[in-house]
Amino acid sequence: MSATAGLSTNPTVQHSLPADGAAVRLIDFWLSSQPIPPRLIARAKYCLLDALGCALFGAGQPWGRIMADEVRADGCEGPCTVLGSTHTAPAALAALCNGTAIHGFELDDLLPASIVHPGTVIIPAVLAAAEASNASGMTLLRGVVAGYECMSRLSLALGLEPSHRGFHKTSVVGPVAAAIASGVVLGLSSDELVCAAGLACSTASGIKSFAGGSGGGMVKRMHAGRAAEAGVRMSSLAQRGFTGPRAAVDGRYGLLEVFAGESAEPNRLTEGLGETWAMDGLWVKVYPICGWIQGVVQLLSAMRGPAPLALADVEKVVVGTTAFAVKNNANPAPSDTMEAQYSIPYCCAVALAGDATNPNEFCEPTIQDPVRHSFAGRVEVCVDPESEAVYPARFGSRVQLCLRSGEVKEAATLDPHGTAADPCNEEEVTAKFTRLVALSNSRIDARAIVDAVSRLDTSSSIHELQQLLRQ
């Protein structure tokens, strides 16, 4: 009897594969001919510009320099720009460096409803893919829109359970979204894109030990770089023929089941696809701190007025926020930059007595200021019912400032400046980019980059932008 005896070779009676799920439909959407609304192309340009500013500043921080040195030590050169240097690297390694730099100072953009930082993963991935393939500017921008949309939908499908268990969702869904986005830029077929996403699911990782209260270290910065690197690597492998499971996102033992279990909502992957867009809910950060604290700092900065207050003149500050922020952002004695950016008491001190838009306020030796540390004892953090009710779609906060003179000021916001309800305008985004370039002490021509990004949708290649970003 032959080895195949008893096995049918008739395709009409073989067991068929399970029907593709929502994840494959989400992936295939980016291969359709449906045009992307012009407002999203315009928004993608400013996402790119904002991320480039964050990268150029972050590249000069210790973690940005260490990562670039590590890649340089490998001796691998390639076609892709390592932002903030003259060094070039293979696509995946450039994405690693640039993602680490963009996420290097809590200045990168945020999607509040899905609680992810899309630009820090998607921008370095599509930049690397575009440089490696000499893609057009419009192709790059389409990849940006695809990546932001997929990152948001993947995170929404996971729900809040992974975050509450201590997973950093940016680095959990980031590799998958980056694989799809870079695959769109590289021109992958449907099967290749599905494989790239399937492979990337096995690189999903990242725990929030940086918020555990024992020193944040540098690891959160690396989460974004590793996610971008993985996405680029998996799309490249898929293009070469390396296959992955088709149902790795929403199938048995897939990303949603493993990280979210019964709380997963796979319908969110395609709900309103092509009608509602993640970029419409984008948050461009004003301050280099955790998103939960942006509103607090905005309110206190307005209360104090243009001149700094002496902290000795403040009786107390009462901050009402979400239960999640009360649990994770009330550290009164931050020991490093990461913890300072996540500490409501420290950020309150900066908002009242310093310049909360200046990243240097969160660096050594300023974060060790004994006056600011002692002030933490006069900051009360509690749950505000209104803020709790709208979280995570909106990041509300309520602040009461009590002065020793007896004066009491109180204000609240559900939508900090920079969010979709109170967005930064074009001039503010450009000003933020220009300020970060200046703080980076680079020789890069900020105005020329602004102009090059504005023309990307009509550029046949990103070569001009690539050259401007090398110093």
Protein backbone atom coordinates (compact mmCIF):
# COMPACT_ATOMS: atom_id res chain seq x y z
CA MET A 1 0.00 0.00 0.00
CA SER A 2 1.35 3.41 -0.92
CA ALA A 3 2.11 6.01 1.71
CA THR A 4 -0.84 8.04 0.49
CA ALA A 5 -3.38 5.25 0.47
CA GLY A 6 -6.57 6.22 2.23
CA LEU A 7 -5.92 9.94 1.77
CA SER A 8 -8.06 11.65 -0.84
CA THR A 9 -6.26 13.63 -3.49
CA ASN A 10 -9.51 15.02 -4.79
CA PRO A 11 -9.66 18.71 -3.79
CA THR A 12 -13.45 18.63 -3.87
CA VAL A 13 -13.59 16.35 -0.82
CA GLN A 14 -10.63 17.67 1.17
CA HIS A 15 -11.32 19.57 4.36
CA SER A 16 -11.30 23.28 3.62
CA LEU A 17 -9.35 25.83 5.66
CA PRO A 18 -11.34 27.95 8.10
CA ALA A 19 -12.66 31.15 6.63
CA ASP A 20 -10.42 34.16 7.11
CA GLY A 21 -11.28 36.29 10.12
CA ALA A 22 -11.56 40.00 10.67
CA ALA A 23 -7.79 40.46 10.85
CA VAL A 24 -7.30 39.33 7.26
CA ARG A 25 -10.10 41.64 6.13
CA LEU A 26 -8.36 44.51 7.92
CA ILE A 27 -5.08 43.68 6.19
CA ASP A 28 -6.66 43.31 2.75
CA PHE A 29 -8.35 46.69 3.11
CA TRP A 30 -5.00 48.39 2.45
CA LEU A 31 -4.68 46.62 -0.89
CA SER A 32 -8.00 47.97 -2.12
CA SER A 33 -8.30 50.92 -4.45
CA GLN A 34 -10.35 52.95 -1.98
CA PRO A 35 -8.77 56.40 -1.75
CA ILE A 36 -7.65 57.76 1.61
CA PRO A 37 -9.43 61.01 2.55
CA PRO A 38 -7.19 64.04 1.82
CA ARG A 39 -7.44 65.25 5.43
CA LEU A 40 -5.71 62.05 6.55
CA ILE A 41 -2.86 62.54 4.10
CA ALA A 42 -2.42 66.05 5.50
CA ARG A 43 -2.52 64.67 9.03
CA ALA A 44 0.01 61.98 8.15
CA LYS A 45 2.46 64.72 7.14
CA TYR A 46 2.19 66.36 10.54
CA CYS A 47 2.44 63.00 12.29
CA LEU A 48 5.68 62.51 10.39
CA LEU A 49 6.96 65.99 11.22
CA ASP A 50 6.08 65.62 14.90
CA ALA A 51 7.80 62.24 15.08
CA LEU A 52 10.92 63.55 13.36
CA GLY A 53 11.22 66.33 15.94
CA CYS A 54 10.84 63.80 18.75
CA ALA A 55 13.46 61.59 17.11
CA LEU A 56 16.06 64.30 16.61
CA PHE A 57 15.74 65.32 20.26
CA GLY A 58 15.54 61.74 21.54
CA ALA A 59 18.60 60.67 19.54
CA GLY A 60 20.72 62.93 21.72
CA GLN A 61 19.51 61.41 24.99
CA PRO A 62 21.60 58.67 26.65
CA TRP A 63 19.28 55.87 25.55
CA GLY A 64 19.22 57.16 21.96
CA ARG A 65 23.02 57.35 21.83
CA ILE A 66 23.48 53.90 23.40
CA MET A 67 21.13 52.25 20.92
CA ALA A 68 22.81 53.93 17.95
CA ASP A 69 26.23 52.93 19.29
CA GLU A 70 25.05 49.34 19.69
CA VAL A 71 23.88 49.19 16.08
CA ARG A 72 27.06 50.88 14.87
CA ALA A 73 29.16 48.37 16.80
CA ASP A 74 27.63 45.56 14.75
CA GLY A 75 29.35 47.04 11.73
CA CYS A 76 26.28 46.74 9.52
CA GLU A 77 25.66 49.50 7.03
CA GLY A 78 22.61 49.90 4.86
CA PRO A 79 20.49 52.39 2.95
CA CYS A 80 18.48 53.76 5.85
CA THR A 81 19.02 56.89 7.92
CA VAL A 82 19.73 56.72 11.63
CA LEU A 83 18.18 60.03 12.65
CA GLY A 84 20.46 62.51 14.34
CA SER A 85 23.66 61.09 12.83
CA THR A 86 25.47 60.49 9.57
CA HIS A 87 25.33 56.75 10.15
CA THR A 88 23.18 54.53 7.95
CA ALA A 89 21.99 51.02 8.69
CA PRO A 90 19.88 48.16 7.34
CA ALA A 91 16.16 48.91 7.47
CA ALA A 92 15.25 46.93 10.59
CA LEU A 93 18.18 48.31 12.61
CA ALA A 94 17.46 51.88 11.53
CA ALA A 95 13.86 51.37 12.70
CA LEU A 96 15.19 50.11 16.05
CA CYS A 97 17.30 53.24 16.58
CA ASN A 98 14.69 55.68 15.34
CA GLY A 99 11.80 54.15 17.26
CA THR A 100 13.85 54.29 20.45
CA ALA A 101 14.65 57.94 19.75
CA ILE A 102 11.08 58.97 18.92
CA HIS A 103 9.80 57.41 22.15
CA GLY A 104 12.80 58.86 23.93
CA PHE A 105 11.13 61.66 25.88
CA GLU A 106 7.36 61.13 26.18
CA LEU A 107 6.74 63.73 23.46
CA ASP A 108 5.36 61.42 20.78
CA ASP A 109 1.72 61.26 19.74
CA LEU A 110 -1.03 59.19 21.32
CA LEU A 111 -4.36 57.61 20.42
CA PRO A 112 -6.34 57.97 23.67
CA ALA A 113 -9.20 55.57 22.93
CA SER A 114 -6.81 52.71 22.20
CA ILE A 115 -4.05 53.88 24.60
CA VAL A 116 -1.15 53.43 22.18
CA HIS A 117 1.64 55.61 20.83
CA PRO A 118 1.41 55.01 17.06
CA GLY A 119 4.01 57.44 15.70
CA THR A 120 6.88 56.02 17.70
CA VAL A 121 6.41 52.60 16.04
CA ILE A 122 4.83 53.32 12.66
CA ILE A 123 6.92 56.31 11.53
CA PRO A 124 10.33 54.59 11.93
CA ALA A 125 8.99 51.44 10.28
CA VAL A 126 7.59 53.16 7.19
CA LEU A 127 10.62 55.47 6.90
CA ALA A 128 12.92 52.46 6.86
CA ALA A 129 10.76 50.55 4.37
CA ALA A 130 10.47 53.61 2.13
CA GLU A 131 14.20 54.28 2.14
CA ALA A 132 15.03 50.63 1.49
CA SER A 133 12.66 50.49 -1.50
CA ASN A 134 13.03 54.10 -2.72
CA ALA A 135 9.27 54.53 -2.38
CA SER A 136 7.37 57.65 -3.33
CA GLY A 137 6.26 60.17 -0.75
CA MET A 138 2.61 59.25 -1.22
CA THR A 139 3.42 55.57 -0.67
CA LEU A 140 5.12 56.48 2.59
CA LEU A 141 2.12 58.56 3.70
CA ARG A 142 -0.29 55.75 2.83
CA GLY A 143 1.83 53.46 4.98
CA VAL A 144 1.57 55.94 7.86
CA VAL A 145 -2.24 56.02 7.65
CA ALA A 146 -2.40 52.21 7.40
CA GLY A 147 -0.12 51.75 10.38
CA TYR A 148 -1.97 54.19 12.64
CA GLU A 149 -5.31 52.62 11.73
CA CYS A 150 -4.13 49.04 12.29
CA MET A 151 -2.38 49.91 15.56
CA SER A 152 -5.52 51.52 16.91
CA ARG A 153 -7.85 48.72 15.83
CA LEU A 154 -5.58 45.98 17.17
CA SER A 155 -5.39 47.73 20.52
CA LEU A 156 -9.14 48.33 20.69
CA ALA A 157 -9.70 44.64 19.95
CA LEU A 158 -7.44 43.74 22.89
CA GLY A 159 -9.42 45.96 25.26
CA LEU A 160 -8.14 47.17 28.63
CA GLU A 161 -7.33 43.82 30.21
CA PRO A 162 -3.73 43.59 28.92
CA SER A 163 -2.92 47.08 30.26
CA HIS A 164 -4.37 46.27 33.64
CA ARG A 165 -2.26 43.11 33.77
CA GLY A 166 0.87 45.16 33.09
CA PHE A 167 1.44 44.79 29.35
CA HIS A 168 2.54 47.86 27.40
CA LYS A 169 0.09 47.76 24.51
CA THR A 170 2.25 49.97 22.27
CA SER A 171 4.85 47.22 22.12
CA VAL A 172 2.27 44.41 22.04
CA VAL A 173 0.36 45.55 18.95
CA GLY A 174 3.18 47.69 17.53
CA PRO A 175 5.07 44.90 15.72
CA VAL A 176 1.92 43.72 13.93
CA ALA A 177 0.84 47.20 12.85
CA ALA A 178 4.40 48.06 11.81
CA ALA A 179 4.61 44.87 9.74
CA ILE A 180 1.41 45.79 7.90
CA ALA A 181 2.47 49.43 7.41
CA SER A 182 5.95 48.60 6.14
CA GLY A 183 4.48 45.83 4.00
CA VAL A 184 2.12 48.36 2.38
CA VAL A 185 5.13 50.56 1.59
CA LEU A 186 7.10 47.60 0.19
CA GLY A 187 4.17 46.58 -2.02
CA LEU A 188 3.58 43.15 -0.49
CA SER A 189 0.79 40.94 -1.84
CA SER A 190 -2.20 39.95 0.28
CA ASP A 191 -0.67 36.60 1.25
CA GLU A 192 2.65 38.25 2.08
CA LEU A 193 0.99 40.90 4.23
CA VAL A 194 -0.99 38.28 6.12
CA CYS A 195 2.22 36.30 6.69
CA ALA A 196 4.06 39.41 7.86
CA ALA A 197 1.33 40.11 10.42
CA GLY A 198 1.28 36.47 11.45
CA LEU A 199 5.02 36.44 12.02
CA ALA A 200 4.91 39.74 13.90
CA CYS A 201 2.35 38.39 16.37
CA SER A 202 5.07 36.16 17.79
CA THR A 203 7.24 39.20 18.51
CA ALA A 204 4.56 40.99 20.56
CA SER A 205 5.94 41.81 24.00
CA GLY A 206 6.54 44.51 26.59
CA ILE A 207 5.76 44.75 30.29
CA LYS A 208 5.25 47.97 32.25
CA SER A 209 7.90 47.30 34.87
CA PHE A 210 9.15 50.82 34.12
CA ALA A 211 6.14 52.06 36.11
CA GLY A 212 6.71 49.69 39.03
CA GLY A 213 8.16 52.31 41.37
CA SER A 214 11.72 51.01 41.54
CA GLY A 215 13.23 53.20 38.84
CA GLY A 216 12.00 53.27 35.27
CA GLY A 217 15.34 52.90 33.53
CA MET A 218 15.48 53.11 29.74
CA VAL A 219 13.43 50.08 28.76
CA LYS A 220 10.21 51.90 27.78
CA ARG A 221 12.13 53.85 25.13
CA MET A 222 13.33 50.56 23.67
CA HIS A 223 9.81 49.08 23.54
CA ALA A 224 8.96 51.27 20.56
CA GLY A 225 12.25 50.63 18.78
CA ARG A 226 11.94 46.88 19.14
CA ALA A 227 8.35 46.97 17.86
CA ALA A 228 9.35 48.99 14.79
CA GLU A 229 12.35 46.74 14.17
CA ALA A 230 10.21 43.60 14.42
CA GLY A 231 7.61 44.97 12.02
CA VAL A 232 10.18 45.82 9.37
CA ARG A 233 11.96 42.50 9.81
CA MET A 234 8.79 40.45 9.54
CA SER A 235 7.57 42.26 6.42
CA SER A 236 10.97 41.70 4.83
CA LEU A 237 10.93 38.01 5.73
CA ALA A 238 7.43 37.63 4.32
CA GLN A 239 8.55 39.29 1.09
CA ARG A 240 11.30 36.66 0.82
CA GLY A 241 8.78 33.85 1.24
CA PHE A 242 8.95 33.14 4.98
CA THR A 243 5.42 32.15 5.95
CA GLY A 244 3.38 32.73 9.08
CA PRO A 245 0.00 31.59 10.42
CA ARG A 246 -2.97 33.29 8.77
CA ALA A 247 -4.98 33.41 12.00
CA ALA A 248 -2.22 34.63 14.31
CA VAL A 249 -4.18 37.75 15.25
CA ASP A 250 -7.71 36.51 15.93
CA GLY A 251 -7.49 32.72 15.71
CA ARG A 252 -6.83 29.97 18.25
CA TYR A 253 -3.83 30.93 20.44
CA GLY A 254 -3.66 34.17 18.49
CA LEU A 255 -2.67 37.59 19.73
CA LEU A 256 -6.14 38.52 20.97
CA GLU A 257 -6.79 35.25 22.78
CA VAL A 258 -3.37 35.05 24.42
CA PHE A 259 -3.16 38.64 25.65
CA ALA A 260 -6.83 39.46 26.26
CA GLY A 261 -8.67 36.15 26.63
CA GLU A 262 -12.43 36.42 26.87
CA SER A 263 -12.29 40.22 27.06
CA ALA A 264 -11.06 40.45 23.46
CA GLU A 265 -13.35 42.14 20.95
CA PRO A 266 -12.28 40.95 17.48
CA ASN A 267 -15.18 42.83 15.87
CA ARG A 268 -13.29 46.06 16.64
CA LEU A 269 -10.74 45.10 13.99
CA THR A 270 -13.10 45.97 11.15
CA GLU A 271 -15.97 47.88 12.75
CA GLY A 272 -16.59 51.00 10.64
CA LEU A 273 -13.51 50.27 8.53
CA GLY A 274 -13.16 52.94 5.85
CA GLU A 275 -15.77 55.13 7.58
CA THR A 276 -14.15 56.01 10.91
CA TRP A 277 -10.44 56.75 11.15
CA ALA A 278 -8.05 56.54 14.09
CA MET A 279 -6.19 59.66 13.00
CA ASP A 280 -9.29 61.74 13.65
CA GLY A 281 -8.75 61.03 17.36
CA LEU A 282 -5.02 61.76 17.41
CA TRP A 283 -3.39 63.54 20.35
CA VAL A 284 -0.23 65.59 19.71
CA LYS A 285 1.50 66.09 23.05
CA VAL A 286 2.30 69.54 24.35
CA TYR A 287 4.33 68.49 27.41
CA PRO A 288 7.07 65.80 27.69
CA ILE A 289 5.12 63.76 30.23
CA CYS A 290 2.65 60.91 30.51
CA GLY A 291 -0.67 61.53 28.78
CA TRP A 292 -2.67 61.17 32.00
CA ILE A 293 -0.87 64.22 33.42
CA GLN A 294 -1.10 66.56 30.40
CA GLY A 295 -4.39 68.09 31.54
CA VAL A 296 -3.16 68.54 35.10
CA VAL A 297 -0.11 70.49 33.94
CA GLN A 298 -2.16 72.53 31.47
CA LEU A 299 -4.61 73.60 34.18
CA LEU A 300 -1.92 74.48 36.73
CA SER A 301 0.12 76.39 34.15
CA ALA A 302 -2.93 78.52 33.35
CA MET A 303 -3.72 79.05 37.04
CA ARG A 304 -0.27 80.33 37.92
CA GLY A 305 -0.09 82.73 34.96
CA PRO A 306 3.00 83.67 32.93
CA ALA A 307 5.37 83.96 35.92
CA PRO A 308 6.50 80.98 38.03
CA LEU A 309 5.12 80.61 41.53
CA ALA A 310 7.26 80.05 44.60
CA LEU A 311 6.30 76.59 45.85
CA ALA A 312 6.52 77.92 49.40
CA ASP A 313 3.44 80.04 48.59
CA VAL A 314 1.34 76.95 47.82
CA GLU A 315 -0.64 75.38 50.66
CA LYS A 316 -1.65 72.31 48.69
CA VAL A 317 -2.74 70.98 45.31
CA VAL A 318 -5.59 68.49 44.92
CA VAL A 319 -5.59 66.51 41.66
CA GLY A 320 -8.65 64.53 40.61
CA THR A 321 -8.03 61.99 37.88
CA THR A 322 -8.74 58.36 36.92
CA ALA A 323 -8.33 55.41 39.24
CA PHE A 324 -5.65 54.08 36.90
CA ALA A 325 -3.62 57.30 37.19
CA VAL A 326 -4.06 57.38 40.97
CA LYS A 327 -2.63 53.87 41.12
CA ASN A 328 0.23 54.39 38.67
CA ASN A 329 1.14 58.10 38.64
CA ALA A 330 1.25 59.24 42.26
CA ASN A 331 4.94 58.54 42.99
CA PRO A 332 6.07 61.39 45.28
CA ALA A 333 9.81 60.81 44.90
CA PRO A 334 10.90 60.05 41.31
CA SER A 335 14.44 58.76 41.04
CA ASP A 336 15.04 59.18 37.31
CA THR A 337 13.68 60.87 34.20
CA MET A 338 11.17 58.13 33.45
CA GLU A 339 9.63 58.30 36.92
CA ALA A 340 9.61 62.11 36.90
CA GLN A 341 7.61 62.14 33.65
CA TYR A 342 5.09 59.75 35.22
CA SER A 343 4.82 61.46 38.62
CA ILE A 344 1.80 63.72 39.17
CA PRO A 345 3.39 65.39 42.24
CA TYR A 346 6.63 66.18 40.42
CA CYS A 347 4.83 67.41 37.29
CA CYS A 348 2.67 69.69 39.47
CA ALA A 349 5.85 71.24 40.89
CA VAL A 350 7.21 71.84 37.39
CA ALA A 351 3.93 73.34 36.17
CA LEU A 352 3.86 75.82 39.06
CA ALA A 353 7.54 76.69 39.43
CA GLY A 354 9.18 75.85 36.11
CA ASP A 355 8.56 75.47 32.36
CA ALA A 356 6.62 72.28 31.74
CA THR A 357 7.24 72.46 27.97
CA ASN A 358 11.02 72.22 28.50
CA PRO A 359 12.33 68.62 28.51
CA ASN A 360 15.29 69.69 30.63
CA GLU A 361 12.94 70.08 33.61
CA PHE A 362 12.77 66.27 33.69
CA CYS A 363 16.50 65.59 33.51
CA GLU A 364 19.28 65.33 36.06
CA PRO A 365 20.06 67.22 38.24
CA THR A 366 16.77 69.15 38.16
CA ILE A 367 14.64 66.13 39.11
CA GLN A 368 16.57 65.86 42.38
CA ASP A 369 15.59 69.38 43.50
CA PRO A 370 14.80 68.99 47.24
CA VAL A 371 12.24 71.82 47.14
CA ARG A 372 10.23 70.02 44.47
CA HIS A 373 10.52 66.69 46.28
CA SER A 374 9.30 68.18 49.56
CA PHE A 375 6.41 69.82 47.70
CA ALA A 376 5.14 66.35 46.78
CA GLY A 377 3.79 65.99 50.31
CA ARG A 378 1.36 68.83 49.60
CA VAL A 379 -0.09 67.21 46.47
CA GLU A 380 -3.16 65.04 47.00
CA VAL A 381 -4.20 62.67 44.22
CA CYS A 382 -7.71 61.22 44.18
CA VAL A 383 -10.28 59.74 41.80
CA ASP A 384 -12.46 62.29 40.00
CA PRO A 385 -15.78 60.60 39.10
CA GLU A 386 -16.24 62.63 35.89
CA SER A 387 -12.75 61.79 34.64
CA GLU A 388 -13.21 58.14 35.57
CA ALA A 389 -16.50 57.95 33.68
CA VAL A 390 -15.03 59.04 30.34
CA TYR A 391 -11.72 57.12 30.51
CA PRO A 392 -10.06 55.93 28.26
CA ALA A 393 -11.81 57.75 25.42
CA ARG A 394 -10.93 61.02 27.14
CA PHE A 395 -8.22 61.88 29.65
CA GLY A 396 -9.93 64.14 32.15
CA SER A 397 -8.55 65.86 35.24
CA ARG A 398 -9.68 68.31 37.90
CA VAL A 399 -7.28 70.51 39.84
CA GLN A 400 -7.63 72.64 42.95
CA LEU A 401 -4.80 75.05 43.80
CA CYS A 402 -4.82 76.35 47.37
CA LEU A 403 -2.44 79.23 48.12
CA ARG A 404 -1.18 80.20 51.58
CA SER A 405 -2.79 83.59 51.03
CA GLY A 406 -6.15 81.85 51.28
CA GLU A 407 -6.93 82.09 47.56
CA VAL A 408 -8.32 78.91 46.01
CA LYS A 409 -8.44 78.25 42.28
CA GLU A 410 -10.18 75.31 40.65
CA ALA A 411 -10.51 74.12 37.07
CA ALA A 412 -11.18 70.94 35.12
CA THR A 413 -10.83 69.57 31.62
CA LEU A 414 -11.87 66.38 29.89
CA ASP A 415 -9.89 67.24 26.76
CA PRO A 416 -6.34 68.56 27.24
CA HIS A 417 -4.88 70.76 24.53
CA GLY A 418 -3.49 68.67 21.70
CA THR A 419 -6.34 66.16 21.75
CA ALA A 420 -8.84 65.91 18.91
CA ALA A 421 -11.35 68.04 20.84
CA ASP A 422 -8.78 70.83 21.28
CA PRO A 423 -6.16 70.10 18.64
CA CYS A 424 -2.82 71.73 18.06
CA ASN A 425 -2.90 73.75 14.85
CA GLU A 426 -0.39 73.59 12.03
CA GLU A 427 1.67 76.44 13.46
CA GLU A 428 1.91 74.74 16.86
CA VAL A 429 3.05 71.42 15.36
CA THR A 430 5.68 73.22 13.30
CA ALA A 431 6.80 75.27 16.32
CA LYS A 432 7.16 72.11 18.42
CA PHE A 433 9.28 70.50 15.69
CA THR A 434 11.47 73.58 15.34
CA ARG A 435 11.96 73.83 19.12
CA LEU A 436 12.98 70.17 19.40
CA VAL A 437 15.46 70.50 16.53
CA ALA A 438 17.00 73.51 18.29
CA LEU A 439 17.21 71.61 21.59
CA SER A 440 18.91 68.72 19.81
CA ASN A 441 21.85 71.00 18.94
CA SER A 442 21.97 69.42 15.49
CA ARG A 443 23.03 71.08 12.27
CA ILE A 444 19.81 70.04 10.57
CA ASP A 445 17.86 72.69 8.66
CA ALA A 446 14.45 72.61 10.35
CA ARG A 447 12.77 74.87 7.79
CA ALA A 448 13.97 72.74 4.88
CA ILE A 449 12.56 69.61 6.51
CA VAL A 450 9.19 71.30 7.12
CA ASP A 451 9.07 72.23 3.43
CA ALA A 452 10.11 68.74 2.28
CA VAL A 453 7.45 67.06 4.41
CA SER A 454 4.79 69.45 3.07
CA ARG A 455 5.63 68.32 -0.50
CA LEU A 456 5.79 64.59 0.20
CA ASP A 457 2.49 63.71 -1.46
CA THR A 458 3.87 64.97 -4.81
CA SER A 459 7.41 63.60 -4.42
CA SER A 460 8.40 60.62 -6.54
CA SER A 461 11.01 59.63 -3.94
CA ILE A 462 11.80 60.39 -0.31
CA HIS A 463 15.45 60.92 -1.27
CA GLU A 464 15.31 64.68 -0.61
CA LEU A 465 13.92 64.23 2.89
CA GLN A 466 16.37 61.42 3.57
CA GLN A 467 19.35 63.65 2.74
CA LEU A 468 18.07 66.52 4.86
CA LEU A 469 17.77 64.24 7.87
CA ARG A 470 21.40 63.16 7.75
CA GLN A 471 23.82 65.44 9.58
